[in-house]
Amino acid sequence: MTTLTIHIPDSKADFIKQLLKELDVKIETTKKEHTPNAETIKAIEDARNGKTTHISDFKAFFESV
């Protein structure tokens, strides 16, 4: 038996699974979960805790940077 690992776009996964089922091929599905880095986790926590800056418009955004 040969094991193949293939990357399939989510939009085509159902089609490929059905094709492999028709060919009597065993399918093992794995999906990687994205784990955010520390900076992203902190930004999410800050947003949830209300530690954000209100920007009224685009010009104000550039002035704040």
C-alpha atoms as a PDB file:
ATOM      1  CA  MET A   1       0.000   0.000   0.000  1.00  0.00           C
ATOM      2  CA  THR A   2       1.185   3.519  -0.821  1.00  0.00           C
ATOM      3  CA  THR A   3       0.379   6.582   1.261  1.00  0.00           C
ATOM      4  CA  LEU A   4       0.001   9.919  -0.489  1.00  0.00           C
ATOM      5  CA  THR A   5      -0.374  13.294   1.141  1.00  0.00           C
ATOM      6  CA  ILE A   6      -2.087  15.831  -1.070  1.00  0.00           C
ATOM      7  CA  HIS A   7      -3.197  19.413  -0.491  1.00  0.00           C
ATOM      8  CA  ILE A   8      -6.626  20.152  -1.916  1.00  0.00           C
ATOM      9  CA  PRO A   9      -8.427  23.502  -1.969  1.00  0.00           C
ATOM     10  CA  ASP A  10     -11.414  23.435   0.386  1.00  0.00           C
ATOM     11  CA  SER A  11     -13.701  24.146  -2.550  1.00  0.00           C
ATOM     12  CA  LYS A  12     -12.648  20.886  -4.261  1.00  0.00           C
ATOM     13  CA  ALA A  13     -12.449  18.629  -1.181  1.00  0.00           C
ATOM     14  CA  ASP A  14     -15.964  17.169  -1.455  1.00  0.00           C
ATOM     15  CA  PHE A  15     -15.453  16.350  -5.129  1.00  0.00           C
ATOM     16  CA  ILE A  16     -12.109  14.624  -4.498  1.00  0.00           C
ATOM     17  CA  LYS A  17     -13.490  12.680  -1.515  1.00  0.00           C
ATOM     18  CA  GLN A  18     -16.400  11.412  -3.623  1.00  0.00           C
ATOM     19  CA  LEU A  19     -14.032  10.398  -6.428  1.00  0.00           C
ATOM     20  CA  LEU A  20     -11.762   8.504  -4.038  1.00  0.00           C
ATOM     21  CA  LYS A  21     -14.773   6.818  -2.444  1.00  0.00           C
ATOM     22  CA  GLU A  22     -15.865   5.609  -5.893  1.00  0.00           C
ATOM     23  CA  LEU A  23     -12.362   4.173  -6.381  1.00  0.00           C
ATOM     24  CA  ASP A  24     -12.606   2.416  -2.985  1.00  0.00           C
ATOM     25  CA  VAL A  25      -9.676   4.410  -1.601  1.00  0.00           C
ATOM     26  CA  LYS A  26      -9.349   4.856   2.164  1.00  0.00           C
ATOM     27  CA  ILE A  27      -9.394   8.541   3.121  1.00  0.00           C
ATOM     28  CA  GLU A  28      -7.846  10.044   6.248  1.00  0.00           C
ATOM     29  CA  THR A  29      -8.538  13.747   6.542  1.00  0.00           C
ATOM     30  CA  THR A  30      -6.364  16.104   8.533  1.00  0.00           C
ATOM     31  CA  LYS A  31      -6.786  19.820   8.739  1.00  0.00           C
ATOM     32  CA  LYS A  32      -4.204  22.176  10.157  1.00  0.00           C
ATOM     33  CA  GLU A  33      -5.491  24.739  12.577  1.00  0.00           C
ATOM     34  CA  HIS A  34      -3.962  28.161  12.417  1.00  0.00           C
ATOM     35  CA  THR A  35      -2.371  29.208  15.700  1.00  0.00           C
ATOM     36  CA  PRO A  36      -1.900  32.953  16.012  1.00  0.00           C
ATOM     37  CA  ASN A  37       1.459  34.299  17.154  1.00  0.00           C
ATOM     38  CA  ALA A  38       1.958  36.119  20.475  1.00  0.00           C
ATOM     39  CA  GLU A  39       1.493  39.588  18.971  1.00  0.00           C
ATOM     40  CA  THR A  40      -1.825  38.604  17.405  1.00  0.00           C
ATOM     41  CA  ILE A  41      -3.027  36.950  20.615  1.00  0.00           C
ATOM     42  CA  LYS A  42      -2.230  40.145  22.553  1.00  0.00           C
ATOM     43  CA  ALA A  43      -4.069  42.276  19.988  1.00  0.00           C
ATOM     44  CA  ILE A  44      -7.136  40.031  20.265  1.00  0.00           C
ATOM     45  CA  GLU A  45      -7.041  40.209  24.070  1.00  0.00           C
ATOM     46  CA  ASP A  46      -6.638  44.000  23.984  1.00  0.00           C
ATOM     47  CA  ALA A  47      -9.615  44.343  21.648  1.00  0.00           C
ATOM     48  CA  ARG A  48     -11.772  42.113  23.852  1.00  0.00           C
ATOM     49  CA  ASN A  49     -10.773  44.148  26.915  1.00  0.00           C
ATOM     50  CA  GLY A  50     -11.573  47.472  25.240  1.00  0.00           C
ATOM     51  CA  LYS A  51      -7.943  48.577  24.996  1.00  0.00           C
ATOM     52  CA  THR A  52      -8.421  50.160  21.607  1.00  0.00           C
ATOM     53  CA  THR A  53      -8.051  53.615  20.099  1.00  0.00           C
ATOM     54  CA  HIS A  54     -11.053  55.228  18.450  1.00  0.00           C
ATOM     55  CA  ILE A  55     -10.217  56.616  15.015  1.00  0.00           C
ATOM     56  CA  SER A  56     -12.900  58.835  13.505  1.00  0.00           C
ATOM     57  CA  ASP A  57     -11.642  58.907   9.922  1.00  0.00           C
ATOM     58  CA  PHE A  58      -8.763  58.057   7.608  1.00  0.00           C
ATOM     59  CA  LYS A  59      -6.970  61.351   8.190  1.00  0.00           C
ATOM     60  CA  ALA A  60      -7.083  60.847  11.961  1.00  0.00           C
ATOM     61  CA  PHE A  61      -5.619  57.382  11.477  1.00  0.00           C
ATOM     62  CA  PHE A  62      -2.559  58.743   9.671  1.00  0.00           C
ATOM     63  CA  GLU A  63      -2.134  61.480  12.252  1.00  0.00           C
ATOM     64  CA  SER A  64      -2.091  58.853  15.015  1.00  0.00           C
ATOM     65  CA  VAL A  65       0.671  56.791  13.445  1.00  0.00           C
END
